[in-house]
Protein backbone atom coordinates (compact mmCIF):
# COMPACT_ATOMS: atom_id res chain seq x y z
CA MET A 1 20.40 6.80 5.65
CA ASN A 2 21.45 3.18 5.68
CA ARG A 3 19.16 0.25 4.95
CA ALA A 4 18.65 -0.77 8.58
CA GLY A 5 17.62 2.75 9.54
CA PHE A 6 15.18 2.93 6.64
CA LEU A 7 13.62 -0.43 7.54
CA ARG A 8 13.34 0.58 11.18
CA LYS A 9 11.59 3.82 10.27
CA ALA A 10 9.29 2.04 7.82
CA THR A 11 8.33 -0.50 10.51
CA VAL A 12 7.58 2.25 13.01
CA VAL A 13 5.48 4.15 10.48
CA ALA A 14 3.56 1.00 9.54
CA PHE A 15 2.89 0.17 13.20
CA LEU A 16 1.77 3.71 14.03
CA THR A 17 -0.51 3.76 10.97
CA PHE A 18 -2.09 0.47 12.04
CA ALA A 19 -2.50 1.67 15.63
CA LEU A 20 -4.08 4.96 14.52
CA ALA A 21 -6.42 3.18 12.13
CA SER A 22 -7.45 0.76 14.88
CA ILE A 23 -8.15 3.59 17.32
CA VAL A 24 -10.07 5.68 14.80
CA TYR A 25 -11.95 2.86 13.11
CA SER A 26 -13.16 0.84 16.13
CA PRO A 27 -15.80 3.37 17.35
CA ILE A 28 -17.03 3.76 13.78
CA VAL A 29 -17.49 0.00 13.41
CA SER A 30 -19.35 -0.14 16.73
CA ALA A 31 -21.61 2.73 15.68
CA GLN A 32 -22.27 1.14 12.30
CA GLU A 33 -23.16 -2.19 13.92
CA ALA A 34 -25.69 -0.41 16.12
CA ALA A 35 -27.02 1.54 13.12
CA GLY A 36 -27.12 -1.65 11.03
CA ALA A 37 -29.33 -3.26 13.66
CA ALA A 38 -31.68 -0.27 13.35
CA GLY A 39 -31.92 -0.75 9.57
CA ALA A 40 -29.49 1.95 8.43
CA ALA A 41 -27.24 1.46 5.41
CA PRO A 42 -23.85 -0.07 6.34
CA ALA A 43 -21.82 2.04 3.91
CA SER A 44 -20.58 5.48 4.87
CA VAL A 45 -18.19 8.17 3.85
CA VAL A 46 -15.57 6.62 6.13
CA HIS A 47 -15.30 3.62 3.81
CA LEU A 48 -14.71 5.90 0.86
CA LEU A 49 -12.12 7.89 2.79
CA GLY A 50 -10.36 4.71 3.94
CA VAL A 51 -10.21 3.31 0.42
CA ALA A 52 -8.96 6.62 -0.95
CA LEU A 53 -6.21 6.82 1.67
CA GLY A 54 -5.33 3.16 1.14
CA LEU A 55 -5.05 3.56 -2.62
CA GLY A 56 -2.93 6.66 -2.17
CA MET A 57 -0.56 4.86 0.20
CA ILE A 58 -0.35 1.91 -2.20
CA VAL A 59 0.62 4.14 -5.11
CA ILE A 60 3.12 6.13 -3.05
CA GLY A 61 4.72 2.97 -1.61
CA ALA A 62 4.98 1.26 -4.97
CA GLY A 63 6.39 4.41 -6.55
CA LEU A 64 9.04 4.76 -3.85
CA GLY A 65 9.99 1.09 -4.10
CA ILE A 66 10.24 1.10 -7.87
CA GLY A 67 12.16 4.37 -7.79
CA LYS A 68 14.73 3.02 -5.30
CA LEU A 69 15.10 -0.18 -7.31
CA ALA A 70 15.57 1.67 -10.60
CA ALA A 71 18.04 4.11 -9.03
CA ALA A 72 20.12 1.27 -7.62
CA ALA A 73 20.10 -0.52 -10.98
CA ALA A 74 21.12 2.65 -12.84
CA GLU A 75 23.92 3.26 -10.36
CA GLY A 76 25.16 -0.32 -10.73
CA ILE A 77 25.13 -0.09 -14.52
CA ALA A 78 26.94 3.25 -14.37
CA ARG A 79 29.66 1.75 -12.19
CA GLN A 80 30.04 -1.41 -14.26
CA PRO A 81 28.65 -1.03 -17.80
CA SER A 82 29.89 -4.46 -18.84
CA ALA A 83 27.48 -6.11 -16.36
CA ALA A 84 24.42 -4.24 -17.63
CA ALA A 85 22.70 -7.40 -18.89
CA GLN A 86 23.14 -9.23 -15.60
CA ILE A 87 22.05 -6.24 -13.54
CA THR A 88 18.97 -5.71 -15.70
CA GLY A 89 18.07 -9.38 -15.44
CA ALA A 90 18.51 -9.36 -11.66
CA VAL A 91 16.36 -6.25 -11.29
CA ASN A 92 13.45 -7.47 -13.41
CA LEU A 93 12.10 -10.14 -11.04
CA PRO A 94 11.88 -7.94 -7.91
CA LEU A 95 10.45 -5.15 -10.06
CA PHE A 96 7.70 -7.42 -11.38
CA LEU A 97 6.97 -8.76 -7.89
CA LEU A 98 6.70 -5.23 -6.48
CA GLU A 99 4.38 -4.23 -9.29
CA GLY A 100 2.26 -7.35 -8.73
CA VAL A 101 1.92 -6.66 -5.01
CA ALA A 102 0.81 -3.09 -5.75
CA ILE A 103 -1.78 -4.29 -8.26
CA LEU A 104 -3.11 -6.91 -5.81
CA ALA A 105 -3.34 -4.31 -3.06
CA GLU A 106 -5.31 -2.00 -5.36
CA VAL A 107 -7.68 -4.85 -6.23
CA PHE A 108 -8.22 -5.63 -2.54
CA ALA A 109 -8.88 -1.95 -1.76
CA LEU A 110 -11.42 -1.75 -4.57
CA LEU A 111 -13.04 -4.98 -3.33
CA VAL A 112 -13.41 -3.40 0.10
CA LEU A 113 -15.04 -0.42 -1.56
CA LEU A 114 -17.47 -2.56 -3.56
CA LEU A 115 -18.31 -4.89 -0.67
CA ALA A 116 -18.81 -2.03 1.78
CA ASN A 117 -20.89 -0.01 -0.66
CA PRO A 118 -22.64 -2.40 -3.05
CA ILE A 119 -23.92 -0.90 -6.27
CA GLY A 120 -27.70 -0.83 -6.51
């Protein structure tokens, strides 16, 4: 599969995931707002499930991205061993940025968990 096809499929999957989450989550939010007005606790199992799915998707996405990046770097070094230092240097920055985005996404998911279900 070429790069354009992969990006097209990734965009479609991201859009469908967002649409499904919007459809599934909107009645739950409405029900929780009504229950919150009646004095019920705002946190539910749905928050835990959403955070668990989000964290899983973060880890899978970061793993796939890092794997593709490392595979491309290894292939480039195998084709041209004399350029190994330049290839390694060029791969480090995107690798660190990808890792940073994954860590930030995990922090945001855990913040959602803590803010939706405060301890105590």
